Amino acid sequence: MASRTIESMQLADDQIRILEHNFATVSRHPDETTFMLIAAECGLTEEETQKWFRCRNALWRQAEGLPAELGSVND
């Protein structure tokens, strides 16, 4: 589901490269200021950037064998 959402965003290769770089090296959960900076670097809105990170985090959690929804792991 999340991969289809990311694909539907129709991002350019350079935008994806910047987003993936930030996801891997800066934070999987950026703060508001970082979202603003990443969005400006990519030429996206903050909302689009946040949506991409939500979907990308869901894909990461699924790849790690965790539930797709944040905070749904029970102790």
C-alpha atoms as a PDB file:
ATOM      1  CA  MET A   1       0.000   0.000   0.000  1.00  0.00           C
ATOM      2  CA  ALA A   2       2.690   2.504   0.967  1.00  0.00           C
ATOM      3  CA  SER A   3       4.763   1.761  -2.127  1.00  0.00           C
ATOM      4  CA  ARG A   4       1.765   2.545  -4.344  1.00  0.00           C
ATOM      5  CA  THR A   5       1.278   5.826  -2.486  1.00  0.00           C
ATOM      6  CA  ILE A   6       4.909   6.820  -3.002  1.00  0.00           C
ATOM      7  CA  GLU A   7       4.706   5.849  -6.672  1.00  0.00           C
ATOM      8  CA  SER A   8       1.540   7.899  -7.118  1.00  0.00           C
ATOM      9  CA  MET A   9       3.396  11.026  -5.996  1.00  0.00           C
ATOM     10  CA  GLN A  10       5.233  11.085  -9.369  1.00  0.00           C
ATOM     11  CA  LEU A  11       8.523  12.421  -8.066  1.00  0.00           C
ATOM     12  CA  ALA A  12      11.540  13.132 -10.231  1.00  0.00           C
ATOM     13  CA  ASP A  13      14.638  10.966  -9.794  1.00  0.00           C
ATOM     14  CA  ASP A  14      16.596  13.802  -8.177  1.00  0.00           C
ATOM     15  CA  GLN A  15      13.768  14.423  -5.674  1.00  0.00           C
ATOM     16  CA  ILE A  16      13.716  10.732  -4.733  1.00  0.00           C
ATOM     17  CA  ARG A  17      17.504  10.726  -4.374  1.00  0.00           C
ATOM     18  CA  ILE A  18      17.377  13.718  -1.999  1.00  0.00           C
ATOM     19  CA  LEU A  19      14.509  12.239   0.028  1.00  0.00           C
ATOM     20  CA  GLU A  20      16.200   8.817   0.297  1.00  0.00           C
ATOM     21  CA  HIS A  21      19.506  10.433   1.286  1.00  0.00           C
ATOM     22  CA  ASN A  22      17.812  12.387   4.073  1.00  0.00           C
ATOM     23  CA  PHE A  23      15.869   9.310   5.186  1.00  0.00           C
ATOM     24  CA  ALA A  24      19.062   7.259   5.416  1.00  0.00           C
ATOM     25  CA  THR A  25      21.482   9.828   6.825  1.00  0.00           C
ATOM     26  CA  VAL A  26      19.551  12.602   8.590  1.00  0.00           C
ATOM     27  CA  SER A  27      16.474  11.073  10.218  1.00  0.00           C
ATOM     28  CA  ARG A  28      13.588   8.741   9.538  1.00  0.00           C
ATOM     29  CA  HIS A  29      11.512  11.093  11.723  1.00  0.00           C
ATOM     30  CA  PRO A  30      12.551  14.685  10.908  1.00  0.00           C
ATOM     31  CA  ASP A  31      11.356  17.585  13.021  1.00  0.00           C
ATOM     32  CA  GLU A  32       9.354  20.476  11.579  1.00  0.00           C
ATOM     33  CA  THR A  33      12.401  22.564  10.693  1.00  0.00           C
ATOM     34  CA  THR A  34      14.112  19.642   8.984  1.00  0.00           C
ATOM     35  CA  PHE A  35      10.944  18.904   6.984  1.00  0.00           C
ATOM     36  CA  MET A  36      10.957  22.519   5.830  1.00  0.00           C
ATOM     37  CA  LEU A  37      14.605  22.308   4.723  1.00  0.00           C
ATOM     38  CA  ILE A  38      14.167  18.970   2.938  1.00  0.00           C
ATOM     39  CA  ALA A  39      11.023  20.248   1.185  1.00  0.00           C
ATOM     40  CA  ALA A  40      12.869  23.351  -0.008  1.00  0.00           C
ATOM     41  CA  GLU A  41      15.780  21.257  -1.254  1.00  0.00           C
ATOM     42  CA  CYS A  42      13.420  18.958  -3.188  1.00  0.00           C
ATOM     43  CA  GLY A  43      11.043  21.616  -4.462  1.00  0.00           C
ATOM     44  CA  LEU A  44       8.112  19.965  -2.685  1.00  0.00           C
ATOM     45  CA  THR A  45       5.630  21.270  -0.160  1.00  0.00           C
ATOM     46  CA  GLU A  46       6.134  20.350   3.486  1.00  0.00           C
ATOM     47  CA  GLU A  47       2.931  18.294   3.298  1.00  0.00           C
ATOM     48  CA  GLU A  48       4.232  16.311   0.315  1.00  0.00           C
ATOM     49  CA  THR A  49       7.527  15.753   2.105  1.00  0.00           C
ATOM     50  CA  GLN A  50       5.759  14.584   5.278  1.00  0.00           C
ATOM     51  CA  LYS A  51       3.554  12.249   3.215  1.00  0.00           C
ATOM     52  CA  TRP A  52       6.626  10.736   1.542  1.00  0.00           C
ATOM     53  CA  PHE A  53       8.304  10.179   4.923  1.00  0.00           C
ATOM     54  CA  ARG A  54       5.141   8.576   6.377  1.00  0.00           C
ATOM     55  CA  CYS A  55       4.932   6.175   3.440  1.00  0.00           C
ATOM     56  CA  ARG A  56       8.667   5.493   3.410  1.00  0.00           C
ATOM     57  CA  ASN A  57       8.629   4.760   7.144  1.00  0.00           C
ATOM     58  CA  ALA A  58       5.779   2.294   6.601  1.00  0.00           C
ATOM     59  CA  LEU A  59       7.837   0.530   3.922  1.00  0.00           C
ATOM     60  CA  TRP A  60      10.874   0.467   6.208  1.00  0.00           C
ATOM     61  CA  ARG A  61       8.851  -0.979   9.100  1.00  0.00           C
ATOM     62  CA  GLN A  62       7.377  -3.670   6.830  1.00  0.00           C
ATOM     63  CA  ALA A  63      10.865  -4.554   5.547  1.00  0.00           C
ATOM     64  CA  GLU A  64      12.004  -4.904   9.173  1.00  0.00           C
ATOM     65  CA  GLY A  65       9.071  -7.219   9.925  1.00  0.00           C
ATOM     66  CA  LEU A  66       7.261  -4.622  12.023  1.00  0.00           C
ATOM     67  CA  PRO A  67       3.665  -3.457  11.705  1.00  0.00           C
ATOM     68  CA  ALA A  68       3.249  -0.727   9.073  1.00  0.00           C
ATOM     69  CA  GLU A  69       1.585   1.635  11.537  1.00  0.00           C
ATOM     70  CA  LEU A  70       3.779   3.645  13.879  1.00  0.00           C
ATOM     71  CA  GLY A  71       3.366   2.787  17.536  1.00  0.00           C
ATOM     72  CA  SER A  72       1.517  -0.473  16.992  1.00  0.00           C
ATOM     73  CA  VAL A  73       4.186  -2.734  18.459  1.00  0.00           C
ATOM     74  CA  ASN A  74       2.980  -4.131  21.766  1.00  0.00           C
ATOM     75  CA  ASP A  75       5.409  -4.917  24.572  1.00  0.00           C
END
